């Protein structure tokens, strides 16, 4: 006879109440994924450097056309509030002071991965597709590639392309802006 383990799932509202009441604090590196509170991996130096590089690169190329959120929450639905490494957001006068960004506010999400490549690819990317995030980049530090996911459906992204050193990417919302893989990796 096998034992069925029961899991307690949380809503975004319950998750926020845990933060407000002090059960979870700003020092807790967690995110809400499909109703489960998931501890995030520690950030290594290469990961942190790549995020800083992306922030500088995207800021210089897109300027006032976007807001950049670094490791900030985005609300995908009632059960998921991940913290992608980089989010390119539609500008708002209040800088999202009244609510975290939602799918309709997002031009692009970027996950920078070294130790979490499989989790990001198998769990977070499908979650982003279900939420209809138009485009997601998975920056794989170990392989030095950028996986670009586009055309979201409830079953996943219909298009995935891999870009390597020397190749150029663009963001559909900003087709006039080109970014090279070399620039993403600080070369």
Foldseek 3Di string as FASTA:
>chain_A
DDDDDDDQFAWPVVVVVCDVVVVDDPPQQWWFAQRDTGGDDDDDPLLVVLLVLVVVVCCVQCPPQWDKDAQAWEDLDGGGTGRARIWTFGDDPVNQPPHHHYLVGTQEGEHEDEPCQVVCVPGVQLSCLLSVNAWYWYQYPVVLKIWIFGCGDNRGGPDIDIAHAPDWDDRVVCNVTIDGSCSSSPD
